[in-house]
Amino acid sequence: MDIIMKYIESMRDGEAIRGIYLCKQRTTAMTKNGKPYDNVILQDKTGTVDAKIWEPKSMGIMDFSAMDYVDIKADVTTFNGGLQLNIKTARLAAEGEYDTADYFPTSTRDIEEMYSELLKRIASVQNQYLKKLLEMFFVEDEKFVKEFKKHSAAKTIHHSFIGGLLEHTLSVTNMCEYFCKAYPILNHDLLVTAAMLHDIGKVYELSSFPQNDYTDNGQLLGHIVIGYDIVGQKIRKIEGFPTKTARELEHCILAHHGELEYGSPKKPALAEAFALNLADNADAKMETLTELLMNTRPADGTEWYGYNRALDTNIRKTSAQ
C-alpha cells in the first residue's frame, strides 16, 4: 500500500500521522528518572521536526540511524511552543517507497534560469582580469559549477535549501548592480565580481545534501577564509593580474560580514566593501523574514510570530490591506 506523505509544514497539534521521513539525527538521552529515550530530528523538503521515542526498546521500533529513510507512525504534540512528534512505530523504508525529492528543501526558482542570469552578469564586467577570474569559476570549473548550483547558503537561518547559495549570490549581485547605477562612486566591475565570489567558500564550508552540515574545513576556517584562499589561488594563475585589484577584491571578500564580531577578519575600508556588506545583509534578513512568514504560523489568536534570534526582535504579521 502506498504511504501518503504528510509534509512537516502541514502537521498540526493533536494529529496522528503516518509517513516516511529522513532521519537527520538520532541520539540517546535519559529522563530525570533514569529512563532512556531517543531524540530524533526528522526532515522533509518543508523543514524539520523534533521527535521523541519514549520506548526505544519497543517491538514496534526497528533499528535506524541518521540519514536513513524511516516509515513512522506518530502523534503530533506541542512542546515549548513548537511541534513535536511522539513516535509509536518506526521501520526502515525500502527503496522505491520514497522519492528523495520529497526530503530536501529546494529553491522555488528554476536553478538553470538563475544560473543563466548569473552568467549574464559576467558579460557586464569589462575588466579583463576580473572577467577571466569569474569565468574560471563559473564557466571553466565544471566540478565547482555542479556543487555551486545545488549548494545551500547556510545550515539554517536563510537560504538553507538546494539552490540557496545560487539564489543568494544572484540576489546580492543584482542588488550590487543597482548600487552601481545609484552611486557612481562605486567601481562596477570590482563590486559585481566581489558579489559573485563573496560566498563561494560555502561550497567547501558546508557539505552537500542530505547532510548540509559543516565540514572539517568549515569548522576550522569558515567560508570567508576559505573563499579568500581559493580566490587567491585562481588569481595567481592569471598572468599579469594587477596586485592592487587583487588586494581590493580580497578585501571585499574578507570584509563582507561588516563587523569583526560577525566573523569578518576585516571591517570594510572600501566603498565596494560597504556596498557588498549592505547587499549581503539585506538579502539574508529579507530571506529570513520570508521563510518565517511563509513557513510558520503566528501564536494562536495573535499576529505575532515571537522572538526571532537571527533578527533579534519579535516579528509581527503585517496588517491586511
C-alpha atoms as a PDB file:
ATOM      1  CA  MET A   1       0.000   0.000   0.000  1.00  0.00           C
ATOM      2  CA  ASP A   2       1.324   3.431  -0.939  1.00  0.00           C
ATOM      3  CA  ILE A   3       2.080   5.703   2.003  1.00  0.00           C
ATOM      4  CA  ILE A   4       0.641   9.201   1.585  1.00  0.00           C
ATOM      5  CA  MET A   5       3.269  11.772   2.551  1.00  0.00           C
ATOM      6  CA  LYS A   6       2.172  14.400   5.074  1.00  0.00           C
ATOM      7  CA  TYR A   7       4.673  17.214   4.910  1.00  0.00           C
ATOM      8  CA  ILE A   8       6.047  18.584   8.157  1.00  0.00           C
ATOM      9  CA  GLU A   9       4.808  22.120   7.485  1.00  0.00           C
ATOM     10  CA  SER A  10       1.210  20.829   7.358  1.00  0.00           C
ATOM     11  CA  MET A  11       1.334  18.908  10.651  1.00  0.00           C
ATOM     12  CA  ARG A  12      -0.951  20.155  13.406  1.00  0.00           C
ATOM     13  CA  ASP A  13      -1.168  19.531  17.134  1.00  0.00           C
ATOM     14  CA  GLY A  14      -3.352  16.553  18.033  1.00  0.00           C
ATOM     15  CA  GLU A  15      -2.974  14.678  14.736  1.00  0.00           C
ATOM     16  CA  ALA A  16      -1.916  11.061  14.360  1.00  0.00           C
ATOM     17  CA  ILE A  17       0.344  10.818  11.309  1.00  0.00           C
ATOM     18  CA  ARG A  18       1.963   8.121   9.175  1.00  0.00           C
ATOM     19  CA  GLY A  19       4.741   8.812   6.708  1.00  0.00           C
ATOM     20  CA  ILE A  20       8.286   8.302   5.565  1.00  0.00           C
ATOM     21  CA  TYR A  21      10.836  10.904   6.673  1.00  0.00           C
ATOM     22  CA  LEU A  22      14.581  11.368   6.525  1.00  0.00           C
ATOM     23  CA  CYS A  23      16.242  10.902   9.903  1.00  0.00           C
ATOM     24  CA  LYS A  24      18.687  13.795  10.271  1.00  0.00           C
ATOM     25  CA  GLN A  25      19.769  12.854  13.779  1.00  0.00           C
ATOM     26  CA  ARG A  26      19.148  10.211  16.420  1.00  0.00           C
ATOM     27  CA  THR A  27      20.670  10.370  19.890  1.00  0.00           C
ATOM     28  CA  THR A  28      20.006   8.631  23.192  1.00  0.00           C
ATOM     29  CA  ALA A  29      19.135  10.613  26.308  1.00  0.00           C
ATOM     30  CA  MET A  30      17.915   9.945  29.827  1.00  0.00           C
ATOM     31  CA  THR A  31      14.831  11.188  31.663  1.00  0.00           C
ATOM     32  CA  LYS A  32      15.127  12.612  35.177  1.00  0.00           C
ATOM     33  CA  ASN A  33      14.002   9.216  36.416  1.00  0.00           C
ATOM     34  CA  GLY A  34      16.876   7.478  34.644  1.00  0.00           C
ATOM     35  CA  LYS A  35      14.786   6.010  31.834  1.00  0.00           C
ATOM     36  CA  PRO A  36      16.404   6.032  28.352  1.00  0.00           C
ATOM     37  CA  TYR A  37      14.664   7.629  25.384  1.00  0.00           C
ATOM     38  CA  ASP A  38      15.717   8.769  21.894  1.00  0.00           C
ATOM     39  CA  ASN A  39      15.847  12.277  20.470  1.00  0.00           C
ATOM     40  CA  VAL A  40      15.186  12.242  16.736  1.00  0.00           C
ATOM     41  CA  ILE A  41      15.170  15.021  14.151  1.00  0.00           C
ATOM     42  CA  LEU A  42      13.137  14.240  11.045  1.00  0.00           C
ATOM     43  CA  GLN A  43      13.237  16.146   7.777  1.00  0.00           C
ATOM     44  CA  ASP A  44      11.346  16.574   4.547  1.00  0.00           C
ATOM     45  CA  LYS A  45      11.570  19.313   1.928  1.00  0.00           C
ATOM     46  CA  THR A  46       9.341  21.615   4.004  1.00  0.00           C
ATOM     47  CA  GLY A  47      11.528  21.579   7.107  1.00  0.00           C
ATOM     48  CA  THR A  48      12.492  19.595  10.188  1.00  0.00           C
ATOM     49  CA  VAL A  49      10.647  18.485  13.303  1.00  0.00           C
ATOM     50  CA  ASP A  50      11.789  17.295  16.697  1.00  0.00           C
ATOM     51  CA  ALA A  51      10.607  13.814  17.669  1.00  0.00           C
ATOM     52  CA  LYS A  52      10.876  11.521  20.670  1.00  0.00           C
ATOM     53  CA  ILE A  53      10.871   7.746  21.061  1.00  0.00           C
ATOM     54  CA  TRP A  54       9.902   7.192  24.657  1.00  0.00           C
ATOM     55  CA  GLU A  55      10.036   3.393  24.349  1.00  0.00           C
ATOM     56  CA  PRO A  56      13.132   2.723  22.181  1.00  0.00           C
ATOM     57  CA  LYS A  57      13.129  -0.987  23.046  1.00  0.00           C
ATOM     58  CA  SER A  58       9.528  -1.439  21.956  1.00  0.00           C
ATOM     59  CA  MET A  59       8.773  -4.184  19.447  1.00  0.00           C
ATOM     60  CA  GLY A  60       7.405  -1.542  17.085  1.00  0.00           C
ATOM     61  CA  ILE A  61      10.695   0.373  16.916  1.00  0.00           C
ATOM     62  CA  MET A  62      13.119  -1.111  14.389  1.00  0.00           C
ATOM     63  CA  ASP A  63      16.754  -0.029  14.312  1.00  0.00           C
ATOM     64  CA  PHE A  64      17.556   3.036  12.207  1.00  0.00           C
ATOM     65  CA  SER A  65      20.238   5.725  12.153  1.00  0.00           C
ATOM     66  CA  ALA A  66      20.925   9.223  10.858  1.00  0.00           C
ATOM     67  CA  MET A  67      20.478   9.563   7.072  1.00  0.00           C
ATOM     68  CA  ASP A  68      18.040   6.630   6.945  1.00  0.00           C
ATOM     69  CA  TYR A  69      14.565   6.974   5.480  1.00  0.00           C
ATOM     70  CA  VAL A  70      12.126   5.880   8.169  1.00  0.00           C
ATOM     71  CA  ASP A  71       8.457   4.926   7.977  1.00  0.00           C
ATOM     72  CA  ILE A  72       6.865   6.115  11.209  1.00  0.00           C
ATOM     73  CA  LYS A  73       3.566   6.356  12.992  1.00  0.00           C
ATOM     74  CA  ALA A  74       3.429   9.214  15.486  1.00  0.00           C
ATOM     75  CA  ASP A  75       1.245  11.577  17.460  1.00  0.00           C
ATOM     76  CA  VAL A  76       1.750  15.313  16.905  1.00  0.00           C
ATOM     77  CA  THR A  77       2.015  17.342  20.118  1.00  0.00           C
ATOM     78  CA  THR A  78       3.165  20.822  21.130  1.00  0.00           C
ATOM     79  CA  PHE A  79       6.157  21.422  23.390  1.00  0.00           C
ATOM     80  CA  ASN A  80       7.677  24.819  24.268  1.00  0.00           C
ATOM     81  CA  GLY A  81       5.687  26.477  21.503  1.00  0.00           C
ATOM     82  CA  GLY A  82       6.827  24.109  18.754  1.00  0.00           C
ATOM     83  CA  LEU A  83       5.555  20.880  17.260  1.00  0.00           C
ATOM     84  CA  GLN A  84       6.974  17.584  18.458  1.00  0.00           C
ATOM     85  CA  LEU A  85       6.305  14.027  17.344  1.00  0.00           C
ATOM     86  CA  ASN A  86       5.781  11.136  19.731  1.00  0.00           C
ATOM     87  CA  ILE A  87       6.911   8.170  17.607  1.00  0.00           C
ATOM     88  CA  LYS A  88       4.939   4.991  18.227  1.00  0.00           C
ATOM     89  CA  THR A  89       6.372   2.737  15.493  1.00  0.00           C
ATOM     90  CA  ALA A  90       9.320   3.040  13.156  1.00  0.00           C
ATOM     91  CA  ARG A  91      10.887   0.890  10.441  1.00  0.00           C
ATOM     92  CA  LEU A  92      13.474   1.383   7.717  1.00  0.00           C
ATOM     93  CA  ALA A  93      11.775   2.318   4.452  1.00  0.00           C
ATOM     94  CA  ALA A  94      12.700   0.268   1.405  1.00  0.00           C
ATOM     95  CA  GLU A  95      13.976   1.779  -1.835  1.00  0.00           C
ATOM     96  CA  GLY A  96      11.072   2.556  -4.096  1.00  0.00           C
ATOM     97  CA  GLU A  97       8.818   3.545  -1.190  1.00  0.00           C
ATOM     98  CA  TYR A  98      10.013   7.149  -1.242  1.00  0.00           C
ATOM     99  CA  ASP A  99      11.145   9.854  -3.656  1.00  0.00           C
ATOM    100  CA  THR A 100      14.291  11.674  -2.481  1.00  0.00           C
ATOM    101  CA  ALA A 101      12.936  14.910  -3.985  1.00  0.00           C
ATOM    102  CA  ASP A 102      10.398  14.973  -1.118  1.00  0.00           C
ATOM    103  CA  TYR A 103      13.112  15.294   1.511  1.00  0.00           C
ATOM    104  CA  PHE A 104      15.375  18.164   0.538  1.00  0.00           C
ATOM    105  CA  PRO A 105      14.196  21.769   0.537  1.00  0.00           C
ATOM    106  CA  THR A 106      14.778  23.323  -2.879  1.00  0.00           C
ATOM    107  CA  SER A 107      14.651  26.864  -4.228  1.00  0.00           C
ATOM    108  CA  THR A 108      11.281  27.861  -5.622  1.00  0.00           C
ATOM    109  CA  ARG A 109      13.133  29.372  -8.574  1.00  0.00           C
ATOM    110  CA  ASP A 110      14.451  27.379 -11.530  1.00  0.00           C
ATOM    111  CA  ILE A 111      18.133  26.675 -10.897  1.00  0.00           C
ATOM    112  CA  GLU A 112      19.225  26.743 -14.552  1.00  0.00           C
ATOM    113  CA  GLU A 113      17.381  30.016 -15.163  1.00  0.00           C
ATOM    114  CA  MET A 114      19.079  31.589 -12.161  1.00  0.00           C
ATOM    115  CA  TYR A 115      22.467  30.367 -13.315  1.00  0.00           C
ATOM    116  CA  SER A 116      21.927  31.782 -16.816  1.00  0.00           C
ATOM    117  CA  GLU A 117      21.068  35.126 -15.250  1.00  0.00           C
ATOM    118  CA  LEU A 118      24.225  34.997 -13.144  1.00  0.00           C
ATOM    119  CA  LEU A 119      26.344  34.287 -16.233  1.00  0.00           C
ATOM    120  CA  LYS A 120      24.920  37.413 -17.868  1.00  0.00           C
ATOM    121  CA  ARG A 121      26.429  39.421 -15.039  1.00  0.00           C
ATOM    122  CA  ILE A 122      29.861  38.156 -16.068  1.00  0.00           C
ATOM    123  CA  ALA A 123      29.273  39.628 -19.512  1.00  0.00           C
ATOM    124  CA  SER A 124      28.752  43.055 -17.901  1.00  0.00           C
ATOM    125  CA  VAL A 125      32.278  43.023 -16.419  1.00  0.00           C
ATOM    126  CA  GLN A 126      34.719  44.905 -18.648  1.00  0.00           C
ATOM    127  CA  ASN A 127      37.934  44.422 -16.673  1.00  0.00           C
ATOM    128  CA  GLN A 128      39.690  41.558 -18.467  1.00  0.00           C
ATOM    129  CA  TYR A 129      41.322  40.169 -15.317  1.00  0.00           C
ATOM    130  CA  LEU A 130      38.172  40.173 -13.213  1.00  0.00           C
ATOM    131  CA  LYS A 131      36.148  38.697 -16.065  1.00  0.00           C
ATOM    132  CA  LYS A 132      38.706  35.918 -16.540  1.00  0.00           C
ATOM    133  CA  LEU A 133      38.601  35.183 -12.816  1.00  0.00           C
ATOM    134  CA  LEU A 134      34.804  34.845 -12.882  1.00  0.00           C
ATOM    135  CA  GLU A 135      34.952  32.608 -15.960  1.00  0.00           C
ATOM    136  CA  MET A 136      37.495  30.346 -14.248  1.00  0.00           C
ATOM    137  CA  PHE A 137      34.961  29.673 -11.507  1.00  0.00           C
ATOM    138  CA  PHE A 138      31.569  29.845 -13.189  1.00  0.00           C
ATOM    139  CA  VAL A 139      32.344  28.626 -16.723  1.00  0.00           C
ATOM    140  CA  GLU A 140      35.523  26.566 -16.804  1.00  0.00           C
ATOM    141  CA  ASP A 141      35.426  24.698 -13.466  1.00  0.00           C
ATOM    142  CA  GLU A 142      32.677  22.115 -14.094  1.00  0.00           C
ATOM    143  CA  LYS A 143      33.070  20.453 -10.695  1.00  0.00           C
ATOM    144  CA  PHE A 144      32.699  23.778  -8.906  1.00  0.00           C
ATOM    145  CA  VAL A 145      29.682  24.753 -11.033  1.00  0.00           C
ATOM    146  CA  LYS A 146      27.917  21.477 -10.219  1.00  0.00           C
ATOM    147  CA  GLU A 147      28.436  21.950  -6.479  1.00  0.00           C
ATOM    148  CA  PHE A 148      27.614  25.663  -6.552  1.00  0.00           C
ATOM    149  CA  LYS A 149      24.251  25.103  -8.244  1.00  0.00           C
ATOM    150  CA  LYS A 150      22.990  22.601  -5.675  1.00  0.00           C
ATOM    151  CA  HIS A 151      24.542  24.037  -2.514  1.00  0.00           C
ATOM    152  CA  SER A 152      22.705  25.812   0.271  1.00  0.00           C
ATOM    153  CA  ALA A 153      23.870  29.175   1.603  1.00  0.00           C
ATOM    154  CA  ALA A 154      23.570  28.120   5.249  1.00  0.00           C
ATOM    155  CA  LYS A 155      22.941  25.207   7.562  1.00  0.00           C
ATOM    156  CA  THR A 156      19.939  27.085   8.979  1.00  0.00           C
ATOM    157  CA  ILE A 157      18.550  30.662   9.158  1.00  0.00           C
ATOM    158  CA  HIS A 158      18.389  31.685   5.462  1.00  0.00           C
ATOM    159  CA  HIS A 159      18.691  30.022   2.038  1.00  0.00           C
ATOM    160  CA  SER A 160      19.271  26.632   3.684  1.00  0.00           C
ATOM    161  CA  PHE A 161      17.984  24.717   0.680  1.00  0.00           C
ATOM    162  CA  ILE A 162      19.209  23.259  -2.617  1.00  0.00           C
ATOM    163  CA  GLY A 163      19.986  26.185  -4.892  1.00  0.00           C
ATOM    164  CA  GLY A 164      20.113  28.532  -1.907  1.00  0.00           C
ATOM    165  CA  LEU A 165      23.701  29.623  -2.491  1.00  0.00           C
ATOM    166  CA  LEU A 166      22.965  30.404  -6.135  1.00  0.00           C
ATOM    167  CA  GLU A 167      19.749  32.264  -5.259  1.00  0.00           C
ATOM    168  CA  HIS A 168      21.503  34.318  -2.568  1.00  0.00           C
ATOM    169  CA  THR A 169      24.500  35.087  -4.787  1.00  0.00           C
ATOM    170  CA  LEU A 170      22.261  36.214  -7.638  1.00  0.00           C
ATOM    171  CA  SER A 171      20.181  38.434  -5.332  1.00  0.00           C
ATOM    172  CA  VAL A 172      23.271  40.068  -3.845  1.00  0.00           C
ATOM    173  CA  THR A 173      24.765  40.568  -7.316  1.00  0.00           C
ATOM    174  CA  ASN A 174      21.570  42.137  -8.641  1.00  0.00           C
ATOM    175  CA  MET A 175      21.417  44.456  -5.633  1.00  0.00           C
ATOM    176  CA  CYS A 176      25.023  45.480  -6.218  1.00  0.00           C
ATOM    177  CA  GLU A 177      24.213  46.209  -9.863  1.00  0.00           C
ATOM    178  CA  TYR A 178      21.551  48.620  -8.614  1.00  0.00           C
ATOM    179  CA  PHE A 179      24.010  50.224  -6.188  1.00  0.00           C
ATOM    180  CA  CYS A 180      26.411  50.856  -9.059  1.00  0.00           C
ATOM    181  CA  LYS A 181      23.713  52.706 -11.017  1.00  0.00           C
ATOM    182  CA  ALA A 182      22.581  54.701  -7.985  1.00  0.00           C
ATOM    183  CA  TYR A 183      26.042  55.560  -6.628  1.00  0.00           C
ATOM    184  CA  PRO A 184      28.661  56.409  -9.301  1.00  0.00           C
ATOM    185  CA  ILE A 185      31.487  56.314  -6.756  1.00  0.00           C
ATOM    186  CA  LEU A 186      31.357  52.506  -6.934  1.00  0.00           C
ATOM    187  CA  ASN A 187      33.676  50.512  -9.172  1.00  0.00           C
ATOM    188  CA  HIS A 188      31.151  48.351 -11.047  1.00  0.00           C
ATOM    189  CA  ASP A 189      33.499  45.565 -12.108  1.00  0.00           C
ATOM    190  CA  LEU A 190      35.065  45.204  -8.666  1.00  0.00           C
ATOM    191  CA  LEU A 191      31.726  45.191  -6.835  1.00  0.00           C
ATOM    192  CA  VAL A 192      29.954  42.768  -9.202  1.00  0.00           C
ATOM    193  CA  THR A 193      32.934  40.402  -9.101  1.00  0.00           C
ATOM    194  CA  ALA A 194      33.034  40.565  -5.297  1.00  0.00           C
ATOM    195  CA  ALA A 195      29.277  39.944  -5.126  1.00  0.00           C
ATOM    196  CA  MET A 196      29.542  36.823  -7.280  1.00  0.00           C
ATOM    197  CA  LEU A 197      32.509  35.489  -5.318  1.00  0.00           C
ATOM    198  CA  HIS A 198      31.745  36.613  -1.764  1.00  0.00           C
ATOM    199  CA  ASP A 199      30.234  33.311  -0.581  1.00  0.00           C
ATOM    200  CA  ILE A 200      31.950  30.731  -2.783  1.00  0.00           C
ATOM    201  CA  GLY A 201      33.724  29.399   0.295  1.00  0.00           C
ATOM    202  CA  LYS A 202      30.381  27.940   1.365  1.00  0.00           C
ATOM    203  CA  VAL A 203      30.775  25.257  -1.307  1.00  0.00           C
ATOM    204  CA  TYR A 204      33.551  23.891   0.921  1.00  0.00           C
ATOM    205  CA  GLU A 205      32.310  25.090   4.327  1.00  0.00           C
ATOM    206  CA  LEU A 206      29.094  23.054   4.092  1.00  0.00           C
ATOM    207  CA  SER A 207      28.587  19.501   2.892  1.00  0.00           C
ATOM    208  CA  SER A 208      26.034  18.719   0.199  1.00  0.00           C
ATOM    209  CA  PHE A 209      22.547  17.452   0.973  1.00  0.00           C
ATOM    210  CA  PRO A 210      21.392  15.310   2.683  1.00  0.00           C
ATOM    211  CA  GLN A 211      23.876  16.301   5.400  1.00  0.00           C
ATOM    212  CA  ASN A 212      24.104  20.068   4.714  1.00  0.00           C
ATOM    213  CA  ASP A 213      26.382  20.327   7.736  1.00  0.00           C
ATOM    214  CA  TYR A 214      29.716  21.957   8.486  1.00  0.00           C
ATOM    215  CA  THR A 215      32.761  20.220   7.058  1.00  0.00           C
ATOM    216  CA  ASP A 216      36.034  19.972   8.962  1.00  0.00           C
ATOM    217  CA  ASN A 217      37.390  22.944   6.993  1.00  0.00           C
ATOM    218  CA  GLY A 218      34.145  24.786   7.608  1.00  0.00           C
ATOM    219  CA  GLN A 219      34.515  24.340  11.352  1.00  0.00           C
ATOM    220  CA  LEU A 220      38.211  25.228  11.412  1.00  0.00           C
ATOM    221  CA  LEU A 221      38.337  28.054   8.861  1.00  0.00           C
ATOM    222  CA  GLY A 222      34.864  29.239   7.837  1.00  0.00           C
ATOM    223  CA  HIS A 223      33.659  30.305   4.412  1.00  0.00           C
ATOM    224  CA  ILE A 224      35.231  33.775   4.455  1.00  0.00           C
ATOM    225  CA  VAL A 225      38.772  32.496   4.902  1.00  0.00           C
ATOM    226  CA  ILE A 226      38.155  29.568   2.542  1.00  0.00           C
ATOM    227  CA  GLY A 227      36.780  31.922  -0.126  1.00  0.00           C
ATOM    228  CA  TYR A 228      39.680  34.334   0.264  1.00  0.00           C
ATOM    229  CA  ASP A 229      42.117  31.448  -0.167  1.00  0.00           C
ATOM    230  CA  ILE A 230      40.577  29.873  -3.280  1.00  0.00           C
ATOM    231  CA  VAL A 231      40.107  33.254  -4.967  1.00  0.00           C
ATOM    232  CA  GLY A 232      43.767  33.970  -4.299  1.00  0.00           C
ATOM    233  CA  GLN A 233      44.745  30.633  -5.825  1.00  0.00           C
ATOM    234  CA  LYS A 234      42.825  31.414  -9.037  1.00  0.00           C
ATOM    235  CA  ILE A 235      44.246  34.943  -9.216  1.00  0.00           C
ATOM    236  CA  ARG A 236      47.799  33.607  -9.107  1.00  0.00           C
ATOM    237  CA  LYS A 237      47.040  31.545 -12.216  1.00  0.00           C
ATOM    238  CA  ILE A 238      46.114  34.638 -14.247  1.00  0.00           C
ATOM    239  CA  GLU A 239      49.234  36.186 -15.757  1.00  0.00           C
ATOM    240  CA  GLY A 240      49.542  39.902 -15.144  1.00  0.00           C
ATOM    241  CA  PHE A 241      46.618  40.175 -12.703  1.00  0.00           C
ATOM    242  CA  PRO A 242      47.084  43.628 -11.095  1.00  0.00           C
ATOM    243  CA  THR A 243      48.176  43.319  -7.471  1.00  0.00           C
ATOM    244  CA  LYS A 244      46.159  46.345  -6.349  1.00  0.00           C
ATOM    245  CA  THR A 245      42.959  44.957  -7.905  1.00  0.00           C
ATOM    246  CA  ALA A 246      43.618  41.581  -6.296  1.00  0.00           C
ATOM    247  CA  ARG A 247      44.008  43.151  -2.837  1.00  0.00           C
ATOM    248  CA  GLU A 248      40.812  45.203  -3.264  1.00  0.00           C
ATOM    249  CA  LEU A 249      38.794  42.147  -4.295  1.00  0.00           C
ATOM    250  CA  GLU A 250      40.224  40.053  -1.474  1.00  0.00           C
ATOM    251  CA  HIS A 251      39.408  42.856   0.988  1.00  0.00           C
ATOM    252  CA  CYS A 252      35.763  42.863  -0.140  1.00  0.00           C
ATOM    253  CA  ILE A 253      35.543  39.123   0.499  1.00  0.00           C
ATOM    254  CA  LEU A 254      37.224  39.374   3.905  1.00  0.00           C
ATOM    255  CA  ALA A 255      35.021  42.296   4.995  1.00  0.00           C
ATOM    256  CA  HIS A 256      31.636  41.235   3.650  1.00  0.00           C
ATOM    257  CA  HIS A 257      30.161  40.414   7.077  1.00  0.00           C
ATOM    258  CA  GLY A 258      30.855  44.003   8.091  1.00  0.00           C
ATOM    259  CA  GLU A 259      31.944  43.572  11.697  1.00  0.00           C
ATOM    260  CA  LEU A 260      34.653  41.590  13.443  1.00  0.00           C
ATOM    261  CA  GLU A 261      32.090  40.076  15.832  1.00  0.00           C
ATOM    262  CA  TYR A 262      30.137  38.756  12.834  1.00  0.00           C
ATOM    263  CA  GLY A 263      33.123  36.816  11.547  1.00  0.00           C
ATOM    264  CA  SER A 264      34.799  39.280   9.191  1.00  0.00           C
ATOM    265  CA  PRO A 265      38.606  39.325   9.581  1.00  0.00           C
ATOM    266  CA  LYS A 266      38.473  42.966   8.440  1.00  0.00           C
ATOM    267  CA  LYS A 267      35.920  45.779   8.609  1.00  0.00           C
ATOM    268  CA  PRO A 268      35.040  47.429   5.283  1.00  0.00           C
ATOM    269  CA  ALA A 269      37.532  50.080   4.149  1.00  0.00           C
ATOM    270  CA  LEU A 270      36.390  50.458   0.527  1.00  0.00           C
ATOM    271  CA  ALA A 271      33.072  51.778  -0.766  1.00  0.00           C
ATOM    272  CA  GLU A 272      32.603  48.490  -2.633  1.00  0.00           C
ATOM    273  CA  ALA A 273      33.134  46.506   0.569  1.00  0.00           C
ATOM    274  CA  PHE A 274      30.482  48.607   2.338  1.00  0.00           C
ATOM    275  CA  ALA A 275      28.054  48.100  -0.556  1.00  0.00           C
ATOM    276  CA  LEU A 276      28.668  44.351  -0.592  1.00  0.00           C
ATOM    277  CA  ASN A 277      28.068  44.091   3.147  1.00  0.00           C
ATOM    278  CA  LEU A 278      24.803  46.025   2.849  1.00  0.00           C
ATOM    279  CA  ALA A 279      23.549  43.845  -0.024  1.00  0.00           C
ATOM    280  CA  ASP A 280      24.571  40.606   1.700  1.00  0.00           C
ATOM    281  CA  ASN A 281      22.917  41.618   4.975  1.00  0.00           C
ATOM    282  CA  ALA A 282      19.751  42.877   3.281  1.00  0.00           C
ATOM    283  CA  ASP A 283      19.204  39.694   1.298  1.00  0.00           C
ATOM    284  CA  ALA A 284      19.926  37.459   4.291  1.00  0.00           C
ATOM    285  CA  LYS A 285      17.452  39.331   6.509  1.00  0.00           C
ATOM    286  CA  MET A 286      14.707  39.541   3.890  1.00  0.00           C
ATOM    287  CA  GLU A 287      15.005  35.818   3.153  1.00  0.00           C
ATOM    288  CA  THR A 288      14.898  35.068   6.889  1.00  0.00           C
ATOM    289  CA  LEU A 289      11.665  37.065   7.117  1.00  0.00           C
ATOM    290  CA  THR A 290      10.282  35.391   4.000  1.00  0.00           C
ATOM    291  CA  GLU A 291      10.918  31.902   5.352  1.00  0.00           C
ATOM    292  CA  LEU A 292       9.475  32.830   8.757  1.00  0.00           C
ATOM    293  CA  LEU A 293       6.265  34.297   7.329  1.00  0.00           C
ATOM    294  CA  MET A 294       5.802  31.561   4.729  1.00  0.00           C
ATOM    295  CA  ASN A 295       6.652  28.510   6.817  1.00  0.00           C
ATOM    296  CA  THR A 296       5.354  29.234  10.310  1.00  0.00           C
ATOM    297  CA  ARG A 297       2.163  30.487  11.902  1.00  0.00           C
ATOM    298  CA  PRO A 298       1.639  33.294  14.433  1.00  0.00           C
ATOM    299  CA  ALA A 299       0.818  32.425  18.013  1.00  0.00           C
ATOM    300  CA  ASP A 300      -2.831  31.454  18.433  1.00  0.00           C
ATOM    301  CA  GLY A 301      -5.128  34.461  18.389  1.00  0.00           C
ATOM    302  CA  THR A 302      -2.387  36.964  17.518  1.00  0.00           C
ATOM    303  CA  GLU A 303      -0.427  38.313  14.559  1.00  0.00           C
ATOM    304  CA  TRP A 304       2.893  37.887  16.392  1.00  0.00           C
ATOM    305  CA  TYR A 305       5.415  35.199  15.451  1.00  0.00           C
ATOM    306  CA  GLY A 306       7.500  35.584  18.584  1.00  0.00           C
ATOM    307  CA  TYR A 307      11.134  36.463  19.164  1.00  0.00           C
ATOM    308  CA  ASN A 308      13.463  35.573  16.300  1.00  0.00           C
ATOM    309  CA  ARG A 309      17.064  35.100  17.372  1.00  0.00           C
ATOM    310  CA  ALA A 310      18.547  35.777  13.920  1.00  0.00           C
ATOM    311  CA  LEU A 311      16.699  39.092  13.648  1.00  0.00           C
ATOM    312  CA  ASP A 312      16.915  39.854  17.380  1.00  0.00           C
ATOM    313  CA  THR A 313      13.321  41.045  17.611  1.00  0.00           C
ATOM    314  CA  ASN A 314       9.708  39.925  17.952  1.00  0.00           C
ATOM    315  CA  ILE A 315       8.117  39.682  14.492  1.00  0.00           C
ATOM    316  CA  ARG A 316       4.525  40.655  13.742  1.00  0.00           C
ATOM    317  CA  LYS A 317       2.469  39.864  10.681  1.00  0.00           C
ATOM    318  CA  THR A 318       1.625  42.911   8.584  1.00  0.00           C
ATOM    319  CA  SER A 319      -1.989  44.061   8.809  1.00  0.00           C
ATOM    320  CA  ALA A 320      -4.153  43.067   5.858  1.00  0.00           C
ATOM    321  CA  GLN A 321      -4.740  45.912   3.401  1.00  0.00           C
END
